[in-house]
Amino acid sequence: MSDAAFQSYVDQWLASDPQQRVALGFLDPASRNGHVALAAFEREIVGAAYGIREAQVAAVKLNWWAEELSGARASGGRHPLTRVLFNQPQADVLPMEFWIAPVLAAMGQLEEGTAADFPAQVAATTILHGALARLETGWWFGAGADPGRATAVATQAHLLGSLAMVDEQAEVERLALPMARMARFGLTRAGLRMDGPARRDAVKAQAGDIAAALRQAAAPGAPLSLFRAMTLRQARRRAEQAARAVEPLAVLKQPPAVGGPSTALFAWRAARNSRRATQSR
């Protein structure tokens, strides 16, 4: 990771998800740059999809990524992340569709509004995060690997992150709480900005549904990359804590933890599971 431009994207990813610093120590040095580049690339696509208020500006950025990825196999790429990614053996094996699908999914949801209910919200969110999970799972374990668990984790973790900003994004088109949840607790957009029993109960209910989905995803099954396993552990804990808390939003807004010995032990086990899944394909 000597290239300064590449490192700047890695640093941004690690700043947004500090626990992954622990995970880095358990990666094979030969594959570390590629895995890290993919994680930082995923952050770029998610940031364009959700972090840019003007849909036209987001579309321009995503169109650039579509062009960049379409030509990267031949050119080696122009972007620092693309250059690293397409210098890895996986770049010659994964279908180009795996690369383009997340960008197209991100474009398709730029104008989406608030979902009607939680299942509809999950379905809408899965379109983008499922495409990212398929790319990531294929990268780590081969194009034929099942991305089902990774999709569930990516989707629910995103919904949890959105829920943490429910009060800050009361004016956006796509709210963190689905319409049915808002109606059940008598919440308006204005009510999302103010603390009160209705908002607390709605956030707790949403966190409870997310926690239940993450508990299901935690059951053994399809492989998870080391980074996705770390996300599952932290997101599940935070969702469960928020679902029980008197002030659930305060729990969700706590800075992400880097972790201690238990996190390191979990990362070691998750890395071992990832290696075994790779070897058994």
C-alpha atoms as a PDB file:
ATOM      1  CA  MET A   1       0.000   0.000   0.000  1.00  0.00           C
ATOM      2  CA  SER A   2       2.793   2.431  -0.867  1.00  0.00           C
ATOM      3  CA  ASP A   3       0.838   4.486  -3.371  1.00  0.00           C
ATOM      4  CA  ALA A   4      -0.382   7.622  -1.587  1.00  0.00           C
ATOM      5  CA  ALA A   5      -3.559   7.990  -3.642  1.00  0.00           C
ATOM      6  CA  PHE A   6      -4.519   4.375  -3.038  1.00  0.00           C
ATOM      7  CA  GLN A   7      -3.750   4.716   0.659  1.00  0.00           C
ATOM      8  CA  SER A   8      -6.012   7.757   0.948  1.00  0.00           C
ATOM      9  CA  TYR A   9      -9.013   5.658  -0.109  1.00  0.00           C
ATOM     10  CA  VAL A  10      -8.004   2.892   2.274  1.00  0.00           C
ATOM     11  CA  ASP A  11      -7.721   5.412   5.100  1.00  0.00           C
ATOM     12  CA  GLN A  12     -11.218   6.733   4.361  1.00  0.00           C
ATOM     13  CA  TRP A  13     -12.619   3.203   4.464  1.00  0.00           C
ATOM     14  CA  LEU A  14     -10.866   2.419   7.743  1.00  0.00           C
ATOM     15  CA  ALA A  15     -12.030   5.708   9.260  1.00  0.00           C
ATOM     16  CA  SER A  16     -15.617   4.720   8.488  1.00  0.00           C
ATOM     17  CA  ASP A  17     -15.144   1.173   9.827  1.00  0.00           C
ATOM     18  CA  PRO A  18     -12.301   1.158  12.396  1.00  0.00           C
ATOM     19  CA  GLN A  19     -12.812  -2.456  13.486  1.00  0.00           C
ATOM     20  CA  GLN A  20     -11.409  -3.583  10.141  1.00  0.00           C
ATOM     21  CA  ARG A  21      -7.977  -2.420  11.293  1.00  0.00           C
ATOM     22  CA  VAL A  22      -7.984  -5.474  13.534  1.00  0.00           C
ATOM     23  CA  ALA A  23      -8.997  -7.695  10.623  1.00  0.00           C
ATOM     24  CA  LEU A  24      -6.119  -6.497   8.433  1.00  0.00           C
ATOM     25  CA  GLY A  25      -3.623  -8.280  10.641  1.00  0.00           C
ATOM     26  CA  PHE A  26      -5.156 -11.658   9.801  1.00  0.00           C
ATOM     27  CA  LEU A  27      -5.055 -11.318   6.011  1.00  0.00           C
ATOM     28  CA  ASP A  28      -2.536 -13.080   3.800  1.00  0.00           C
ATOM     29  CA  PRO A  29      -0.095 -10.303   2.798  1.00  0.00           C
ATOM     30  CA  ALA A  30      -0.170 -11.533  -0.797  1.00  0.00           C
ATOM     31  CA  SER A  31      -3.911 -10.846  -1.123  1.00  0.00           C
ATOM     32  CA  ARG A  32      -4.281  -7.962   1.348  1.00  0.00           C
ATOM     33  CA  ASN A  33      -4.113  -5.104  -1.152  1.00  0.00           C
ATOM     34  CA  GLY A  34      -6.766  -6.640  -3.378  1.00  0.00           C
ATOM     35  CA  HIS A  35      -9.188  -7.325  -0.534  1.00  0.00           C
ATOM     36  CA  VAL A  36      -8.713  -3.843   0.885  1.00  0.00           C
ATOM     37  CA  ALA A  37      -9.109  -2.221  -2.538  1.00  0.00           C
ATOM     38  CA  LEU A  38     -12.409  -4.021  -3.054  1.00  0.00           C
ATOM     39  CA  ALA A  39     -13.716  -2.876   0.329  1.00  0.00           C
ATOM     40  CA  ALA A  40     -12.725   0.718  -0.439  1.00  0.00           C
ATOM     41  CA  PHE A  41     -14.335   0.440  -3.885  1.00  0.00           C
ATOM     42  CA  GLU A  42     -17.593  -0.747  -2.308  1.00  0.00           C
ATOM     43  CA  ARG A  43     -17.493   2.301  -0.043  1.00  0.00           C
ATOM     44  CA  GLU A  44     -17.110   4.556  -3.094  1.00  0.00           C
ATOM     45  CA  ILE A  45     -20.178   3.085  -4.786  1.00  0.00           C
ATOM     46  CA  VAL A  46     -22.293   3.240  -1.633  1.00  0.00           C
ATOM     47  CA  GLY A  47     -21.146   6.798  -1.030  1.00  0.00           C
ATOM     48  CA  ALA A  48     -22.178   7.831  -4.525  1.00  0.00           C
ATOM     49  CA  ALA A  49     -25.531   6.091  -4.182  1.00  0.00           C
ATOM     50  CA  TYR A  50     -26.498   7.512  -0.785  1.00  0.00           C
ATOM     51  CA  GLY A  51     -24.091  10.287   0.100  1.00  0.00           C
ATOM     52  CA  ILE A  52     -24.715  12.720  -2.751  1.00  0.00           C
ATOM     53  CA  ARG A  53     -27.938  14.676  -2.401  1.00  0.00           C
ATOM     54  CA  GLU A  54     -28.171  15.758  -6.065  1.00  0.00           C
ATOM     55  CA  ALA A  55     -29.199  12.760  -8.150  1.00  0.00           C
ATOM     56  CA  GLN A  56     -27.638  14.188 -11.297  1.00  0.00           C
ATOM     57  CA  VAL A  57     -24.271  14.614  -9.617  1.00  0.00           C
ATOM     58  CA  ALA A  58     -24.432  11.071  -8.285  1.00  0.00           C
ATOM     59  CA  ALA A  59     -25.375   9.765 -11.731  1.00  0.00           C
ATOM     60  CA  VAL A  60     -22.349  11.486 -13.288  1.00  0.00           C
ATOM     61  CA  LYS A  61     -20.023   9.847 -10.761  1.00  0.00           C
ATOM     62  CA  LEU A  62     -21.609   6.430 -11.215  1.00  0.00           C
ATOM     63  CA  ASN A  63     -21.469   6.737 -14.994  1.00  0.00           C
ATOM     64  CA  TRP A  64     -17.769   7.437 -14.681  1.00  0.00           C
ATOM     65  CA  TRP A  65     -17.353   4.276 -12.617  1.00  0.00           C
ATOM     66  CA  ALA A  66     -19.275   2.248 -15.206  1.00  0.00           C
ATOM     67  CA  GLU A  67     -16.937   3.450 -17.943  1.00  0.00           C
ATOM     68  CA  GLU A  68     -13.886   2.915 -15.767  1.00  0.00           C
ATOM     69  CA  LEU A  69     -14.801  -0.660 -14.916  1.00  0.00           C
ATOM     70  CA  SER A  70     -15.844  -1.541 -18.460  1.00  0.00           C
ATOM     71  CA  GLY A  71     -12.400  -0.680 -19.784  1.00  0.00           C
ATOM     72  CA  ALA A  72     -10.250  -1.611 -16.801  1.00  0.00           C
ATOM     73  CA  ARG A  73      -9.542  -5.177 -17.878  1.00  0.00           C
ATOM     74  CA  ALA A  74      -7.914  -3.911 -21.067  1.00  0.00           C
ATOM     75  CA  SER A  75      -6.340  -0.708 -19.758  1.00  0.00           C
ATOM     76  CA  GLY A  76      -5.519  -1.647 -16.186  1.00  0.00           C
ATOM     77  CA  GLY A  77      -7.626   1.229 -14.926  1.00  0.00           C
ATOM     78  CA  ARG A  78      -7.152   4.919 -14.212  1.00  0.00           C
ATOM     79  CA  HIS A  79      -8.467   5.131 -10.648  1.00  0.00           C
ATOM     80  CA  PRO A  80      -6.054   4.112  -7.839  1.00  0.00           C
ATOM     81  CA  LEU A  81      -8.485   1.448  -6.623  1.00  0.00           C
ATOM     82  CA  THR A  82      -9.155   0.101 -10.101  1.00  0.00           C
ATOM     83  CA  ARG A  83      -5.444  -0.211 -10.818  1.00  0.00           C
ATOM     84  CA  VAL A  84      -4.982  -2.379  -7.739  1.00  0.00           C
ATOM     85  CA  LEU A  85      -8.129  -4.429  -8.326  1.00  0.00           C
ATOM     86  CA  PHE A  86      -7.382  -5.224 -11.947  1.00  0.00           C
ATOM     87  CA  ASN A  87      -3.846  -6.228 -11.106  1.00  0.00           C
ATOM     88  CA  GLN A  88      -5.200  -9.170  -9.068  1.00  0.00           C
ATOM     89  CA  PRO A  89      -5.933 -12.652 -10.444  1.00  0.00           C
ATOM     90  CA  GLN A  90      -9.642 -12.373  -9.620  1.00  0.00           C
ATOM     91  CA  ALA A  91     -10.020  -9.580 -12.158  1.00  0.00           C
ATOM     92  CA  ASP A  92      -9.391 -12.035 -14.996  1.00  0.00           C
ATOM     93  CA  VAL A  93     -11.835 -14.616 -13.631  1.00  0.00           C
ATOM     94  CA  LEU A  94     -14.907 -12.761 -12.433  1.00  0.00           C
ATOM     95  CA  PRO A  95     -17.494 -11.956 -15.126  1.00  0.00           C
ATOM     96  CA  MET A  96     -17.613  -8.282 -16.076  1.00  0.00           C
ATOM     97  CA  GLU A  97     -21.283  -8.349 -15.049  1.00  0.00           C
ATOM     98  CA  PHE A  98     -20.167  -8.732 -11.423  1.00  0.00           C
ATOM     99  CA  TRP A  99     -18.339  -5.399 -11.669  1.00  0.00           C
ATOM    100  CA  ILE A 100     -20.978  -3.445 -13.545  1.00  0.00           C
ATOM    101  CA  ALA A 101     -24.060  -4.686 -11.656  1.00  0.00           C
ATOM    102  CA  PRO A 102     -23.414  -2.672  -8.455  1.00  0.00           C
ATOM    103  CA  VAL A 103     -22.988   0.542 -10.441  1.00  0.00           C
ATOM    104  CA  LEU A 104     -26.180  -0.051 -12.413  1.00  0.00           C
ATOM    105  CA  ALA A 105     -28.028  -0.929  -9.199  1.00  0.00           C
ATOM    106  CA  ALA A 106     -26.784   2.271  -7.587  1.00  0.00           C
ATOM    107  CA  MET A 107     -28.019   4.298 -10.562  1.00  0.00           C
ATOM    108  CA  GLY A 108     -31.402   2.585 -10.450  1.00  0.00           C
ATOM    109  CA  GLN A 109     -32.128   3.567  -6.873  1.00  0.00           C
ATOM    110  CA  LEU A 110     -31.119   7.245  -7.021  1.00  0.00           C
ATOM    111  CA  GLU A 111     -34.716   8.430  -7.295  1.00  0.00           C
ATOM    112  CA  GLU A 112     -36.253   5.886  -4.907  1.00  0.00           C
ATOM    113  CA  GLY A 113     -38.557   7.137  -2.182  1.00  0.00           C
ATOM    114  CA  THR A 114     -39.434   5.782   1.239  1.00  0.00           C
ATOM    115  CA  ALA A 115     -40.418   2.112   1.300  1.00  0.00           C
ATOM    116  CA  ALA A 116     -43.951   1.107   2.250  1.00  0.00           C
ATOM    117  CA  ASP A 117     -42.929  -1.392   4.936  1.00  0.00           C
ATOM    118  CA  PHE A 118     -39.900  -3.261   6.260  1.00  0.00           C
ATOM    119  CA  PRO A 119     -40.003  -6.173   3.764  1.00  0.00           C
ATOM    120  CA  ALA A 120     -40.265  -3.679   0.896  1.00  0.00           C
ATOM    121  CA  GLN A 121     -37.383  -1.704   2.375  1.00  0.00           C
ATOM    122  CA  VAL A 122     -35.236  -4.825   2.573  1.00  0.00           C
ATOM    123  CA  ALA A 123     -36.102  -5.787  -1.002  1.00  0.00           C
ATOM    124  CA  ALA A 124     -35.212  -2.334  -2.333  1.00  0.00           C
ATOM    125  CA  THR A 125     -31.958  -2.152  -0.382  1.00  0.00           C
ATOM    126  CA  THR A 126     -30.943  -5.651  -1.455  1.00  0.00           C
ATOM    127  CA  ILE A 127     -30.755  -4.635  -5.113  1.00  0.00           C
ATOM    128  CA  LEU A 128     -27.594  -2.605  -4.594  1.00  0.00           C
ATOM    129  CA  HIS A 129     -26.142  -4.383  -1.582  1.00  0.00           C
ATOM    130  CA  GLY A 130     -26.858  -7.782  -3.069  1.00  0.00           C
ATOM    131  CA  ALA A 131     -24.882  -6.817  -6.170  1.00  0.00           C
ATOM    132  CA  LEU A 132     -21.988  -5.669  -3.995  1.00  0.00           C
ATOM    133  CA  ALA A 133     -22.200  -8.859  -1.939  1.00  0.00           C
ATOM    134  CA  ARG A 134     -22.107 -11.017  -5.082  1.00  0.00           C
ATOM    135  CA  LEU A 135     -18.984  -9.199  -6.284  1.00  0.00           C
ATOM    136  CA  GLU A 136     -17.324  -9.502  -2.891  1.00  0.00           C
ATOM    137  CA  THR A 137     -18.233 -13.165  -2.431  1.00  0.00           C
ATOM    138  CA  GLY A 138     -17.033 -13.979  -5.940  1.00  0.00           C
ATOM    139  CA  TRP A 139     -13.798 -12.109  -5.295  1.00  0.00           C
ATOM    140  CA  TRP A 140     -13.053 -13.982  -2.069  1.00  0.00           C
ATOM    141  CA  PHE A 141     -14.463 -17.428  -2.848  1.00  0.00           C
ATOM    142  CA  GLY A 142     -15.033 -17.769  -6.587  1.00  0.00           C
ATOM    143  CA  ALA A 143     -17.786 -16.735  -8.981  1.00  0.00           C
ATOM    144  CA  GLY A 144     -19.972 -19.719  -8.088  1.00  0.00           C
ATOM    145  CA  ALA A 145     -20.004 -19.094  -4.335  1.00  0.00           C
ATOM    146  CA  ASP A 146     -23.353 -18.385  -2.679  1.00  0.00           C
ATOM    147  CA  PRO A 147     -23.665 -14.662  -1.779  1.00  0.00           C
ATOM    148  CA  GLY A 148     -26.841 -15.142   0.263  1.00  0.00           C
ATOM    149  CA  ARG A 149     -25.448 -14.499   3.734  1.00  0.00           C
ATOM    150  CA  ALA A 150     -23.255 -11.640   2.561  1.00  0.00           C
ATOM    151  CA  THR A 151     -26.285 -10.045   0.916  1.00  0.00           C
ATOM    152  CA  ALA A 152     -28.301 -10.243   4.128  1.00  0.00           C
ATOM    153  CA  VAL A 153     -25.466  -8.780   6.197  1.00  0.00           C
ATOM    154  CA  ALA A 154     -24.738  -5.968   3.738  1.00  0.00           C
ATOM    155  CA  THR A 155     -28.421  -5.065   3.460  1.00  0.00           C
ATOM    156  CA  GLN A 156     -29.200  -5.063   7.166  1.00  0.00           C
ATOM    157  CA  ALA A 157     -25.992  -3.283   8.121  1.00  0.00           C
ATOM    158  CA  HIS A 158     -26.851  -0.520   5.682  1.00  0.00           C
ATOM    159  CA  LEU A 159     -30.363  -0.210   7.106  1.00  0.00           C
ATOM    160  CA  LEU A 160     -28.879   0.032  10.588  1.00  0.00           C
ATOM    161  CA  GLY A 161     -26.482   2.758   9.494  1.00  0.00           C
ATOM    162  CA  SER A 162     -29.356   4.668   7.930  1.00  0.00           C
ATOM    163  CA  LEU A 163     -31.387   4.306  11.109  1.00  0.00           C
ATOM    164  CA  ALA A 164     -28.590   5.974  13.063  1.00  0.00           C
ATOM    165  CA  MET A 165     -29.125   9.105  10.953  1.00  0.00           C
ATOM    166  CA  VAL A 166     -32.926   9.092  11.036  1.00  0.00           C
ATOM    167  CA  ASP A 167     -33.019  12.462  12.795  1.00  0.00           C
ATOM    168  CA  GLU A 168     -30.461  14.077  10.489  1.00  0.00           C
ATOM    169  CA  GLN A 169     -32.125  13.008   7.251  1.00  0.00           C
ATOM    170  CA  ALA A 170     -35.762  13.830   7.917  1.00  0.00           C
ATOM    171  CA  GLU A 171     -35.971  15.817   4.689  1.00  0.00           C
ATOM    172  CA  VAL A 172     -34.512  13.299   2.255  1.00  0.00           C
ATOM    173  CA  GLU A 173     -36.727  11.423  -0.172  1.00  0.00           C
ATOM    174  CA  ARG A 174     -35.850   7.991   1.213  1.00  0.00           C
ATOM    175  CA  LEU A 175     -36.402   7.846   4.963  1.00  0.00           C
ATOM    176  CA  ALA A 176     -34.731   5.319   7.250  1.00  0.00           C
ATOM    177  CA  LEU A 177     -38.107   4.262   8.663  1.00  0.00           C
ATOM    178  CA  PRO A 178     -40.661   2.754   6.262  1.00  0.00           C
ATOM    179  CA  MET A 179     -44.067   4.383   5.936  1.00  0.00           C
ATOM    180  CA  ALA A 180     -45.911   1.626   7.801  1.00  0.00           C
ATOM    181  CA  ARG A 181     -43.568   2.039  10.778  1.00  0.00           C
ATOM    182  CA  MET A 182     -44.072   5.809  10.726  1.00  0.00           C
ATOM    183  CA  ALA A 183     -47.841   5.413  10.635  1.00  0.00           C
ATOM    184  CA  ARG A 184     -47.896   2.833  13.412  1.00  0.00           C
ATOM    185  CA  PHE A 185     -46.157   5.200  15.821  1.00  0.00           C
ATOM    186  CA  GLY A 186     -47.812   8.375  14.553  1.00  0.00           C
ATOM    187  CA  LEU A 187     -44.547   9.885  13.292  1.00  0.00           C
ATOM    188  CA  THR A 188     -44.196  12.703  10.798  1.00  0.00           C
ATOM    189  CA  ARG A 189     -41.049  13.947   9.109  1.00  0.00           C
ATOM    190  CA  ALA A 190     -40.920  16.756  11.637  1.00  0.00           C
ATOM    191  CA  GLY A 191     -41.275  14.219  14.430  1.00  0.00           C
ATOM    192  CA  LEU A 192     -38.141  12.397  13.263  1.00  0.00           C
ATOM    193  CA  ARG A 193     -36.044  15.411  14.220  1.00  0.00           C
ATOM    194  CA  MET A 194     -37.302  15.520  17.796  1.00  0.00           C
ATOM    195  CA  ASP A 195     -36.728  13.056  20.609  1.00  0.00           C
ATOM    196  CA  GLY A 196     -39.884  11.599  22.078  1.00  0.00           C
ATOM    197  CA  PRO A 197     -41.631   8.318  22.911  1.00  0.00           C
ATOM    198  CA  ALA A 198     -42.934   7.812  19.370  1.00  0.00           C
ATOM    199  CA  ARG A 199     -39.538   8.165  17.708  1.00  0.00           C
ATOM    200  CA  ARG A 200     -37.851   6.046  20.367  1.00  0.00           C
ATOM    201  CA  ASP A 201     -40.381   3.239  19.972  1.00  0.00           C
ATOM    202  CA  ALA A 202     -40.195   3.356  16.183  1.00  0.00           C
ATOM    203  CA  VAL A 203     -36.389   3.211  16.219  1.00  0.00           C
ATOM    204  CA  LYS A 204     -36.449   0.335  18.707  1.00  0.00           C
ATOM    205  CA  ALA A 205     -38.912  -1.598  16.532  1.00  0.00           C
ATOM    206  CA  GLN A 206     -36.810  -1.038  13.420  1.00  0.00           C
ATOM    207  CA  ALA A 207     -33.647  -2.054  15.253  1.00  0.00           C
ATOM    208  CA  GLY A 208     -35.414  -5.177  16.504  1.00  0.00           C
ATOM    209  CA  ASP A 209     -36.318  -6.270  12.985  1.00  0.00           C
ATOM    210  CA  ILE A 210     -32.766  -5.622  11.806  1.00  0.00           C
ATOM    211  CA  ALA A 211     -31.341  -7.555  14.764  1.00  0.00           C
ATOM    212  CA  ALA A 212     -33.594 -10.524  14.002  1.00  0.00           C
ATOM    213  CA  ALA A 213     -32.413 -10.592  10.394  1.00  0.00           C
ATOM    214  CA  LEU A 214     -28.776 -10.401  11.473  1.00  0.00           C
ATOM    215  CA  ARG A 215     -29.230 -13.228  13.979  1.00  0.00           C
ATOM    216  CA  GLN A 216     -30.560 -15.338  11.132  1.00  0.00           C
ATOM    217  CA  ALA A 217     -27.589 -14.364   8.957  1.00  0.00           C
ATOM    218  CA  ALA A 218     -25.223 -15.391  11.759  1.00  0.00           C
ATOM    219  CA  ALA A 219     -26.235 -19.047  11.420  1.00  0.00           C
ATOM    220  CA  PRO A 220     -23.652 -21.174   9.591  1.00  0.00           C
ATOM    221  CA  GLY A 221     -24.159 -21.315   5.862  1.00  0.00           C
ATOM    222  CA  ALA A 222     -22.761 -19.562   2.821  1.00  0.00           C
ATOM    223  CA  PRO A 223     -19.260 -18.094   3.201  1.00  0.00           C
ATOM    224  CA  LEU A 224     -18.549 -14.599   4.479  1.00  0.00           C
ATOM    225  CA  SER A 225     -15.442 -12.585   3.767  1.00  0.00           C
ATOM    226  CA  LEU A 226     -13.431 -11.564   6.791  1.00  0.00           C
ATOM    227  CA  PHE A 227     -14.622  -7.970   6.491  1.00  0.00           C
ATOM    228  CA  ARG A 228     -18.273  -8.974   6.126  1.00  0.00           C
ATOM    229  CA  ALA A 229     -18.034 -11.270   9.155  1.00  0.00           C
ATOM    230  CA  MET A 230     -16.683  -8.371  11.189  1.00  0.00           C
ATOM    231  CA  THR A 231     -19.571  -6.205  10.014  1.00  0.00           C
ATOM    232  CA  LEU A 232     -22.081  -8.880  10.993  1.00  0.00           C
ATOM    233  CA  ARG A 233     -20.708  -9.120  14.520  1.00  0.00           C
ATOM    234  CA  GLN A 234     -20.705  -5.393  15.168  1.00  0.00           C
ATOM    235  CA  ALA A 235     -24.025  -4.632  13.450  1.00  0.00           C
ATOM    236  CA  ARG A 236     -25.819  -7.444  15.257  1.00  0.00           C
ATOM    237  CA  ARG A 237     -24.555  -6.290  18.648  1.00  0.00           C
ATOM    238  CA  ARG A 238     -25.494  -2.689  18.005  1.00  0.00           C
ATOM    239  CA  ALA A 239     -28.946  -3.547  16.667  1.00  0.00           C
ATOM    240  CA  GLU A 240     -29.681  -5.761  19.663  1.00  0.00           C
ATOM    241  CA  GLN A 241     -28.495  -3.080  22.074  1.00  0.00           C
ATOM    242  CA  ALA A 242     -30.611  -0.416  20.365  1.00  0.00           C
ATOM    243  CA  ALA A 243     -33.685  -2.637  20.413  1.00  0.00           C
ATOM    244  CA  ARG A 244     -33.400  -2.878  24.217  1.00  0.00           C
ATOM    245  CA  ALA A 245     -32.203   0.631  25.012  1.00  0.00           C
ATOM    246  CA  VAL A 246     -34.170   3.428  26.638  1.00  0.00           C
ATOM    247  CA  GLU A 247     -32.550   5.805  24.155  1.00  0.00           C
ATOM    248  CA  PRO A 248     -31.957   3.656  21.066  1.00  0.00           C
ATOM    249  CA  LEU A 249     -30.749   6.446  18.818  1.00  0.00           C
ATOM    250  CA  ALA A 250     -27.997   7.327  21.280  1.00  0.00           C
ATOM    251  CA  VAL A 251     -26.784   3.722  21.076  1.00  0.00           C
ATOM    252  CA  LEU A 252     -26.772   3.804  17.285  1.00  0.00           C
ATOM    253  CA  LYS A 253     -24.839   7.075  17.213  1.00  0.00           C
ATOM    254  CA  GLN A 254     -21.991   5.807  19.366  1.00  0.00           C
ATOM    255  CA  PRO A 255     -18.672   5.901  17.472  1.00  0.00           C
ATOM    256  CA  PRO A 256     -17.762   2.516  15.993  1.00  0.00           C
ATOM    257  CA  ALA A 257     -15.385   0.628  18.236  1.00  0.00           C
ATOM    258  CA  VAL A 258     -11.995  -0.610  17.134  1.00  0.00           C
ATOM    259  CA  GLY A 259     -12.206  -3.554  19.529  1.00  0.00           C
ATOM    260  CA  GLY A 260     -10.092  -5.385  22.073  1.00  0.00           C
ATOM    261  CA  PRO A 261      -8.950  -8.975  22.619  1.00  0.00           C
ATOM    262  CA  SER A 262     -12.392 -10.438  21.904  1.00  0.00           C
ATOM    263  CA  THR A 263     -12.493  -8.635  18.561  1.00  0.00           C
ATOM    264  CA  ALA A 264      -9.040  -9.938  17.681  1.00  0.00           C
ATOM    265  CA  LEU A 265     -10.077 -13.491  18.569  1.00  0.00           C
ATOM    266  CA  PHE A 266     -13.208 -13.157  16.451  1.00  0.00           C
ATOM    267  CA  ALA A 267     -11.180 -11.769  13.535  1.00  0.00           C
ATOM    268  CA  TRP A 268      -8.752 -14.689  13.760  1.00  0.00           C
ATOM    269  CA  ARG A 269     -11.622 -17.185  13.642  1.00  0.00           C
ATOM    270  CA  ALA A 270     -13.359 -15.341  10.800  1.00  0.00           C
ATOM    271  CA  ALA A 271     -10.114 -15.268   8.805  1.00  0.00           C
ATOM    272  CA  ARG A 272      -9.674 -18.996   9.390  1.00  0.00           C
ATOM    273  CA  ASN A 273     -13.224 -19.654   8.161  1.00  0.00           C
ATOM    274  CA  SER A 274     -12.613 -17.535   5.073  1.00  0.00           C
ATOM    275  CA  ARG A 275      -9.438 -19.458   4.250  1.00  0.00           C
ATOM    276  CA  ARG A 276     -11.209 -22.774   4.665  1.00  0.00           C
ATOM    277  CA  ALA A 277     -14.050 -21.672   2.390  1.00  0.00           C
ATOM    278  CA  THR A 278     -11.505 -20.588  -0.219  1.00  0.00           C
ATOM    279  CA  GLN A 279      -9.628 -23.873  -0.044  1.00  0.00           C
ATOM    280  CA  SER A 280     -12.776 -26.005  -0.286  1.00  0.00           C
ATOM    281  CA  ARG A 281     -14.178 -24.417  -3.441  1.00  0.00           C
END
